[in-house]
Amino acid sequence: MRRIFKDYLSGLGASRIAKGLEADEIKNISRKVKWAESSIRDILKNEKYGGYARLQKQLQQPYIVGSEILAKLQCTM
């Protein structure tokens, strides 16, 4: 996950990120090497992948990518 966020913040689009993951033979959640652009976009937009989770109506701090990366991502989308 961190790589997807890092690549996006360095200027790569969903298509190039997907191709890079495939080239490096990184498997997706289905344990396949094929990545779809829509999957990359969904990951980038999903609060849970960004590290925020609601727990008993309270917003918890980021734990996957960190607050600095998440803040930069929100500014670019």
PDB file of N, CA and C in Angstrom:
ATOM      1  N   MET A   1       0.802  -1.184   0.000  1.00  0.00           N
ATOM      2  CA  MET A   1       0.000   0.000   0.000  1.00  0.00           C
ATOM      3  C   MET A   1       0.856   1.264   0.000  1.00  0.00           C
ATOM      4  N   ARG A   2       1.891   1.250   0.792  1.00  0.00           N
ATOM      5  CA  ARG A   2       2.723   2.447   0.878  1.00  0.00           C
ATOM      6  C   ARG A   2       3.313   2.812  -0.475  1.00  0.00           C
ATOM      7  N   ARG A   3       3.673   1.805  -1.236  1.00  0.00           N
ATOM      8  CA  ARG A   3       4.259   2.077  -2.552  1.00  0.00           C
ATOM      9  C   ARG A   3       3.257   2.787  -3.453  1.00  0.00           C
ATOM     10  N   ILE A   4       2.008   2.366  -3.422  1.00  0.00           N
ATOM     11  CA  ILE A   4       0.983   2.989  -4.258  1.00  0.00           C
ATOM     12  C   ILE A   4       0.862   4.467  -3.905  1.00  0.00           C
ATOM     13  N   PHE A   5       0.787   4.779  -2.609  1.00  0.00           N
ATOM     14  CA  PHE A   5       0.673   6.170  -2.182  1.00  0.00           C
ATOM     15  C   PHE A   5       1.938   6.956  -2.544  1.00  0.00           C
ATOM     16  N   LYS A   6       3.099   6.361  -2.324  1.00  0.00           N
ATOM     17  CA  LYS A   6       4.364   7.030  -2.629  1.00  0.00           C
ATOM     18  C   LYS A   6       4.475   7.320  -4.129  1.00  0.00           C
ATOM     19  N   ASP A   7       4.151   6.328  -4.951  1.00  0.00           N
ATOM     20  CA  ASP A   7       4.222   6.520  -6.404  1.00  0.00           C
ATOM     21  C   ASP A   7       3.251   7.607  -6.869  1.00  0.00           C
ATOM     22  N   TYR A   8       2.048   7.612  -6.297  1.00  0.00           N
ATOM     23  CA  TYR A   8       1.060   8.613  -6.684  1.00  0.00           C
ATOM     24  C   TYR A   8       1.542  10.016  -6.325  1.00  0.00           C
ATOM     25  N   LEU A   9       2.097  10.159  -5.125  1.00  0.00           N
ATOM     26  CA  LEU A   9       2.577  11.469  -4.691  1.00  0.00           C
ATOM     27  C   LEU A   9       3.812  11.930  -5.452  1.00  0.00           C
ATOM     28  N   SER A  10       4.527  10.980  -6.069  1.00  0.00           N
ATOM     29  CA  SER A  10       5.684  11.370  -6.877  1.00  0.00           C
ATOM     30  C   SER A  10       5.272  11.727  -8.306  1.00  0.00           C
ATOM     31  N   GLY A  11       3.966  11.658  -8.584  1.00  0.00           N
ATOM     32  CA  GLY A  11       3.472  12.111  -9.886  1.00  0.00           C
ATOM     33  C   GLY A  11       2.995  11.034 -10.835  1.00  0.00           C
ATOM     34  N   LEU A  12       3.079   9.784 -10.445  1.00  0.00           N
ATOM     35  CA  LEU A  12       2.621   8.709 -11.329  1.00  0.00           C
ATOM     36  C   LEU A  12       1.103   8.582 -11.278  1.00  0.00           C
ATOM     37  N   GLY A  13       0.517   8.264 -12.407  1.00  0.00           N
ATOM     38  CA  GLY A  13      -0.918   8.025 -12.478  1.00  0.00           C
ATOM     39  C   GLY A  13      -1.238   6.570 -12.174  1.00  0.00           C
ATOM     40  N   ALA A  14      -2.529   6.275 -12.080  1.00  0.00           N
ATOM     41  CA  ALA A  14      -2.975   4.925 -11.733  1.00  0.00           C
ATOM     42  C   ALA A  14      -2.477   3.882 -12.729  1.00  0.00           C
ATOM     43  N   SER A  15      -2.459   4.227 -14.009  1.00  0.00           N
ATOM     44  CA  SER A  15      -2.013   3.290 -15.039  1.00  0.00           C
ATOM     45  C   SER A  15      -0.539   2.919 -14.863  1.00  0.00           C
ATOM     46  N   ARG A  16       0.297   3.922 -14.635  1.00  0.00           N
ATOM     47  CA  ARG A  16       1.732   3.659 -14.467  1.00  0.00           C
ATOM     48  C   ARG A  16       2.019   2.922 -13.166  1.00  0.00           C
ATOM     49  N   ILE A  17       1.259   3.230 -12.138  1.00  0.00           N
ATOM     50  CA  ILE A  17       1.441   2.520 -10.867  1.00  0.00           C
ATOM     51  C   ILE A  17       1.098   1.043 -11.066  1.00  0.00           C
ATOM     52  N   ALA A  18      -0.025   0.775 -11.735  1.00  0.00           N
ATOM     53  CA  ALA A  18      -0.434  -0.612 -11.987  1.00  0.00           C
ATOM     54  C   ALA A  18       0.625  -1.353 -12.801  1.00  0.00           C
ATOM     55  N   LYS A  19       1.138  -0.715 -13.839  1.00  0.00           N
ATOM     56  CA  LYS A  19       2.173  -1.354 -14.667  1.00  0.00           C
ATOM     57  C   LYS A  19       3.444  -1.622 -13.863  1.00  0.00           C
ATOM     58  N   GLY A  20       3.802  -0.705 -12.988  1.00  0.00           N
ATOM     59  CA  GLY A  20       4.993  -0.889 -12.155  1.00  0.00           C
ATOM     60  C   GLY A  20       4.839  -2.047 -11.188  1.00  0.00           C
ATOM     61  N   LEU A  21       3.660  -2.169 -10.591  1.00  0.00           N
ATOM     62  CA  LEU A  21       3.402  -3.279  -9.674  1.00  0.00           C
ATOM     63  C   LEU A  21       3.457  -4.612 -10.418  1.00  0.00           C
ATOM     64  N   GLU A  22       2.885  -4.627 -11.626  1.00  0.00           N
ATOM     65  CA  GLU A  22       2.926  -5.846 -12.437  1.00  0.00           C
ATOM     66  C   GLU A  22       4.359  -6.188 -12.851  1.00  0.00           C
ATOM     67  N   ALA A  23       5.120  -5.181 -13.238  1.00  0.00           N
ATOM     68  CA  ALA A  23       6.509  -5.410 -13.660  1.00  0.00           C
ATOM     69  C   ALA A  23       7.345  -5.989 -12.519  1.00  0.00           C
ATOM     70  N   ASP A  24       7.057  -5.568 -11.300  1.00  0.00           N
ATOM     71  CA  ASP A  24       7.781  -6.070 -10.133  1.00  0.00           C
ATOM     72  C   ASP A  24       7.132  -7.314  -9.537  1.00  0.00           C
ATOM     73  N   GLU A  25       6.110  -7.815 -10.223  1.00  0.00           N
ATOM     74  CA  GLU A  25       5.392  -9.042  -9.838  1.00  0.00           C
ATOM     75  C   GLU A  25       4.850  -8.985  -8.414  1.00  0.00           C
ATOM     76  N   ILE A  26       4.296  -7.829  -8.058  1.00  0.00           N
ATOM     77  CA  ILE A  26       3.660  -7.673  -6.753  1.00  0.00           C
ATOM     78  C   ILE A  26       2.207  -8.098  -6.885  1.00  0.00           C
ATOM     79  N   LYS A  27       1.786  -9.002  -6.024  1.00  0.00           N
ATOM     80  CA  LYS A  27       0.440  -9.566  -6.118  1.00  0.00           C
ATOM     81  C   LYS A  27      -0.584  -8.664  -5.439  1.00  0.00           C
ATOM     82  N   ASN A  28      -1.795  -8.668  -6.015  1.00  0.00           N
ATOM     83  CA  ASN A  28      -2.895  -7.917  -5.424  1.00  0.00           C
ATOM     84  C   ASN A  28      -3.594  -8.773  -4.359  1.00  0.00           C
ATOM     85  N   ILE A  29      -4.693  -8.286  -3.847  1.00  0.00           N
ATOM     86  CA  ILE A  29      -5.408  -8.995  -2.778  1.00  0.00           C
ATOM     87  C   ILE A  29      -5.878 -10.383  -3.224  1.00  0.00           C
ATOM     88  N   SER A  30      -6.093 -10.553  -4.525  1.00  0.00           N
ATOM     89  CA  SER A  30      -6.524 -11.848  -5.076  1.00  0.00           C
ATOM     90  C   SER A  30      -5.348 -12.764  -5.374  1.00  0.00           C
ATOM     91  N   ARG A  31      -4.160 -12.337  -4.962  1.00  0.00           N
ATOM     92  CA  ARG A  31      -2.919 -13.091  -5.183  1.00  0.00           C
ATOM     93  C   ARG A  31      -2.573 -13.265  -6.656  1.00  0.00           C
ATOM     94  N   LYS A  32      -2.977 -12.262  -7.430  1.00  0.00           N
ATOM     95  CA  LYS A  32      -2.650 -12.237  -8.854  1.00  0.00           C
ATOM     96  C   LYS A  32      -1.738 -11.058  -9.109  1.00  0.00           C
ATOM     97  N   VAL A  33      -0.929 -11.173 -10.152  1.00  0.00           N
ATOM     98  CA  VAL A  33       0.015 -10.114 -10.480  1.00  0.00           C
ATOM     99  C   VAL A  33      -0.663  -9.007 -11.285  1.00  0.00           C
ATOM    100  N   LYS A  34      -1.829  -9.242 -11.838  1.00  0.00           N
ATOM    101  CA  LYS A  34      -2.550  -8.259 -12.656  1.00  0.00           C
ATOM    102  C   LYS A  34      -3.206  -7.204 -11.774  1.00  0.00           C
ATOM    103  N   TRP A  35      -2.913  -5.930 -12.056  1.00  0.00           N
ATOM    104  CA  TRP A  35      -3.493  -4.798 -11.329  1.00  0.00           C
ATOM    105  C   TRP A  35      -4.333  -3.969 -12.282  1.00  0.00           C
ATOM    106  N   ALA A  36      -5.498  -3.544 -11.832  1.00  0.00           N
ATOM    107  CA  ALA A  36      -6.374  -2.687 -12.629  1.00  0.00           C
ATOM    108  C   ALA A  36      -6.223  -1.238 -12.168  1.00  0.00           C
ATOM    109  N   GLU A  37      -6.325  -0.315 -13.122  1.00  0.00           N
ATOM    110  CA  GLU A  37      -6.249   1.101 -12.778  1.00  0.00           C
ATOM    111  C   GLU A  37      -7.331   1.468 -11.760  1.00  0.00           C
ATOM    112  N   SER A  38      -8.517   0.915 -11.946  1.00  0.00           N
ATOM    113  CA  SER A  38      -9.628   1.232 -11.036  1.00  0.00           C
ATOM    114  C   SER A  38      -9.319   0.776  -9.608  1.00  0.00           C
ATOM    115  N   SER A  39      -8.594  -0.323  -9.460  1.00  0.00           N
ATOM    116  CA  SER A  39      -8.206  -0.789  -8.123  1.00  0.00           C
ATOM    117  C   SER A  39      -7.254   0.196  -7.459  1.00  0.00           C
ATOM    118  N   ILE A  40      -6.329   0.725  -8.242  1.00  0.00           N
ATOM    119  CA  ILE A  40      -5.378   1.705  -7.719  1.00  0.00           C
ATOM    120  C   ILE A  40      -6.131   2.954  -7.267  1.00  0.00           C
ATOM    121  N   ARG A  41      -7.048   3.434  -8.106  1.00  0.00           N
ATOM    122  CA  ARG A  41      -7.829   4.623  -7.750  1.00  0.00           C
ATOM    123  C   ARG A  41      -8.670   4.383  -6.501  1.00  0.00           C
ATOM    124  N   ASP A  42      -9.268   3.196  -6.398  1.00  0.00           N
ATOM    125  CA  ASP A  42     -10.075   2.871  -5.214  1.00  0.00           C
ATOM    126  C   ASP A  42      -9.227   2.879  -3.945  1.00  0.00           C
ATOM    127  N   ILE A  43      -8.038   2.356  -4.032  1.00  0.00           N
ATOM    128  CA  ILE A  43      -7.129   2.338  -2.877  1.00  0.00           C
ATOM    129  C   ILE A  43      -6.781   3.762  -2.465  1.00  0.00           C
ATOM    130  N   LEU A  44      -6.490   4.612  -3.439  1.00  0.00           N
ATOM    131  CA  LEU A  44      -6.104   5.986  -3.140  1.00  0.00           C
ATOM    132  C   LEU A  44      -7.247   6.784  -2.519  1.00  0.00           C
ATOM    133  N   LYS A  45      -8.475   6.471  -2.884  1.00  0.00           N
ATOM    134  CA  LYS A  45      -9.633   7.222  -2.389  1.00  0.00           C
ATOM    135  C   LYS A  45     -10.206   6.671  -1.085  1.00  0.00           C
ATOM    136  N   ASN A  46      -9.881   5.450  -0.745  1.00  0.00           N
ATOM    137  CA  ASN A  46     -10.475   4.802   0.419  1.00  0.00           C
ATOM    138  C   ASN A  46      -9.799   5.253   1.713  1.00  0.00           C
ATOM    139  N   GLU A  47     -10.599   5.804   2.632  1.00  0.00           N
ATOM    140  CA  GLU A  47     -10.063   6.281   3.913  1.00  0.00           C
ATOM    141  C   GLU A  47      -9.335   5.184   4.689  1.00  0.00           C
ATOM    142  N   LYS A  48      -9.836   3.966   4.613  1.00  0.00           N
ATOM    143  CA  LYS A  48      -9.231   2.877   5.383  1.00  0.00           C
ATOM    144  C   LYS A  48      -7.817   2.575   4.915  1.00  0.00           C
ATOM    145  N   TYR A  49      -7.597   2.619   3.595  1.00  0.00           N
ATOM    146  CA  TYR A  49      -6.241   2.394   3.095  1.00  0.00           C
ATOM    147  C   TYR A  49      -5.334   3.553   3.476  1.00  0.00           C
ATOM    148  N   GLY A  50      -5.908   4.739   3.582  1.00  0.00           N
ATOM    149  CA  GLY A  50      -5.137   5.901   3.997  1.00  0.00           C
ATOM    150  C   GLY A  50      -4.781   5.853   5.460  1.00  0.00           C
ATOM    151  N   GLY A  51      -5.450   4.989   6.196  1.00  0.00           N
ATOM    152  CA  GLY A  51      -5.100   4.807   7.591  1.00  0.00           C
ATOM    153  C   GLY A  51      -6.114   5.314   8.582  1.00  0.00           C
ATOM    154  N   TYR A  52      -7.167   5.959   8.085  1.00  0.00           N
ATOM    155  CA  TYR A  52      -8.181   6.442   9.010  1.00  0.00           C
ATOM    156  C   TYR A  52      -9.271   5.400   9.175  1.00  0.00           C
ATOM    157  N   ALA A  53      -9.706   5.224  10.395  1.00  0.00           N
ATOM    158  CA  ALA A  53     -10.789   4.289  10.676  1.00  0.00           C
ATOM    159  C   ALA A  53     -11.672   4.893  11.761  1.00  0.00           C
ATOM    160  N   ARG A  54     -12.944   4.662  11.641  1.00  0.00           N
ATOM    161  CA  ARG A  54     -13.858   5.123  12.677  1.00  0.00           C
ATOM    162  C   ARG A  54     -14.029   4.006  13.695  1.00  0.00           C
ATOM    163  N   LEU A  55     -13.835   4.362  14.940  1.00  0.00           N
ATOM    164  CA  LEU A  55     -13.991   3.405  16.016  1.00  0.00           C
ATOM    165  C   LEU A  55     -14.875   4.055  17.066  1.00  0.00           C
ATOM    166  N   GLN A  56     -16.066   3.541  17.203  1.00  0.00           N
ATOM    167  CA  GLN A  56     -17.048   4.093  18.129  1.00  0.00           C
ATOM    168  C   GLN A  56     -17.228   5.595  17.910  1.00  0.00           C
ATOM    169  N   LYS A  57     -17.417   5.968  16.648  1.00  0.00           N
ATOM    170  CA  LYS A  57     -17.690   7.341  16.217  1.00  0.00           C
ATOM    171  C   LYS A  57     -16.528   8.305  16.422  1.00  0.00           C
ATOM    172  N   GLN A  58     -15.354   7.798  16.708  1.00  0.00           N
ATOM    173  CA  GLN A  58     -14.178   8.652  16.826  1.00  0.00           C
ATOM    174  C   GLN A  58     -13.222   8.324  15.693  1.00  0.00           C
ATOM    175  N   LEU A  59     -12.670   9.359  15.094  1.00  0.00           N
ATOM    176  CA  LEU A  59     -11.726   9.170  14.003  1.00  0.00           C
ATOM    177  C   LEU A  59     -10.358   8.846  14.581  1.00  0.00           C
ATOM    178  N   GLN A  60      -9.811   7.694  14.203  1.00  0.00           N
ATOM    179  CA  GLN A  60      -8.508   7.256  14.701  1.00  0.00           C
ATOM    180  C   GLN A  60      -7.403   7.798  13.801  1.00  0.00           C
ATOM    181  N   GLN A  61      -6.219   7.896  14.323  1.00  0.00           N
ATOM    182  CA  GLN A  61      -5.076   8.421  13.589  1.00  0.00           C
ATOM    183  C   GLN A  61      -4.608   7.443  12.502  1.00  0.00           C
ATOM    184  N   PRO A  62      -3.956   7.974  11.470  1.00  0.00           N
ATOM    185  CA  PRO A  62      -3.446   7.115  10.398  1.00  0.00           C
ATOM    186  C   PRO A  62      -2.407   6.118  10.909  1.00  0.00           C
ATOM    187  N   TYR A  63      -2.468   4.927  10.399  1.00  0.00           N
ATOM    188  CA  TYR A  63      -1.511   3.913  10.826  1.00  0.00           C
ATOM    189  C   TYR A  63      -0.886   3.174   9.663  1.00  0.00           C
ATOM    190  N   ILE A  64      -1.373   3.352   8.439  1.00  0.00           N
ATOM    191  CA  ILE A  64      -0.793   2.641   7.302  1.00  0.00           C
ATOM    192  C   ILE A  64       0.244   3.515   6.598  1.00  0.00           C
ATOM    193  N   VAL A  65      -0.149   4.698   6.166  1.00  0.00           N
ATOM    194  CA  VAL A  65       0.786   5.533   5.417  1.00  0.00           C
ATOM    195  C   VAL A  65       1.252   6.755   6.184  1.00  0.00           C
ATOM    196  N   GLY A  66       0.613   7.115   7.243  1.00  0.00           N
ATOM    197  CA  GLY A  66       1.023   8.261   8.040  1.00  0.00           C
ATOM    198  C   GLY A  66       0.294   9.528   7.659  1.00  0.00           C
ATOM    199  N   SER A  67       0.176  10.433   8.588  1.00  0.00           N
ATOM    200  CA  SER A  67      -0.619  11.639   8.397  1.00  0.00           C
ATOM    201  C   SER A  67      -0.027  12.591   7.363  1.00  0.00           C
ATOM    202  N   GLU A  68       1.297  12.670   7.258  1.00  0.00           N
ATOM    203  CA  GLU A  68       1.913  13.571   6.292  1.00  0.00           C
ATOM    204  C   GLU A  68       1.590  13.151   4.860  1.00  0.00           C
ATOM    205  N   ILE A  69       1.728  11.878   4.572  1.00  0.00           N
ATOM    206  CA  ILE A  69       1.432  11.376   3.226  1.00  0.00           C
ATOM    207  C   ILE A  69      -0.053  11.534   2.924  1.00  0.00           C
ATOM    208  N   LEU A  70      -0.904  11.238   3.889  1.00  0.00           N
ATOM    209  CA  LEU A  70      -2.344  11.347   3.695  1.00  0.00           C
ATOM    210  C   LEU A  70      -2.737  12.795   3.419  1.00  0.00           C
ATOM    211  N   ALA A  71      -2.141  13.747   4.106  1.00  0.00           N
ATOM    212  CA  ALA A  71      -2.435  15.164   3.890  1.00  0.00           C
ATOM    213  C   ALA A  71      -2.025  15.586   2.479  1.00  0.00           C
ATOM    214  N   LYS A  72      -0.856  15.155   2.023  1.00  0.00           N
ATOM    215  CA  LYS A  72      -0.414  15.474   0.668  1.00  0.00           C
ATOM    216  C   LYS A  72      -1.352  14.869  -0.365  1.00  0.00           C
ATOM    217  N   LEU A  73      -1.790  13.652  -0.126  1.00  0.00           N
ATOM    218  CA  LEU A  73      -2.690  12.971  -1.049  1.00  0.00           C
ATOM    219  C   LEU A  73      -4.002  13.727  -1.156  1.00  0.00           C
ATOM    220  N   GLN A  74      -4.558  14.155  -0.053  1.00  0.00           N
ATOM    221  CA  GLN A  74      -5.832  14.871  -0.067  1.00  0.00           C
ATOM    222  C   GLN A  74      -5.715  16.178  -0.814  1.00  0.00           C
ATOM    223  N   CYS A  75      -4.555  16.814  -0.798  1.00  0.00           N
ATOM    224  CA  CYS A  75      -4.349  18.059  -1.538  1.00  0.00           C
ATOM    225  C   CYS A  75      -4.284  17.828  -3.040  1.00  0.00           C
ATOM    226  N   THR A  76      -3.862  16.655  -3.472  1.00  0.00           N
ATOM    227  CA  THR A  76      -3.713  16.396  -4.893  1.00  0.00           C
ATOM    228  C   THR A  76      -4.944  15.819  -5.547  1.00  0.00           C
ATOM    229  N   MET A  77      -5.875  15.319  -4.754  1.00  0.00           N
ATOM    230  CA  MET A  77      -7.062  14.681  -5.351  1.00  0.00           C
ATOM    231  C   MET A  77      -8.215  15.641  -5.449  1.00  0.00           C
TER     232      MET A  77
END
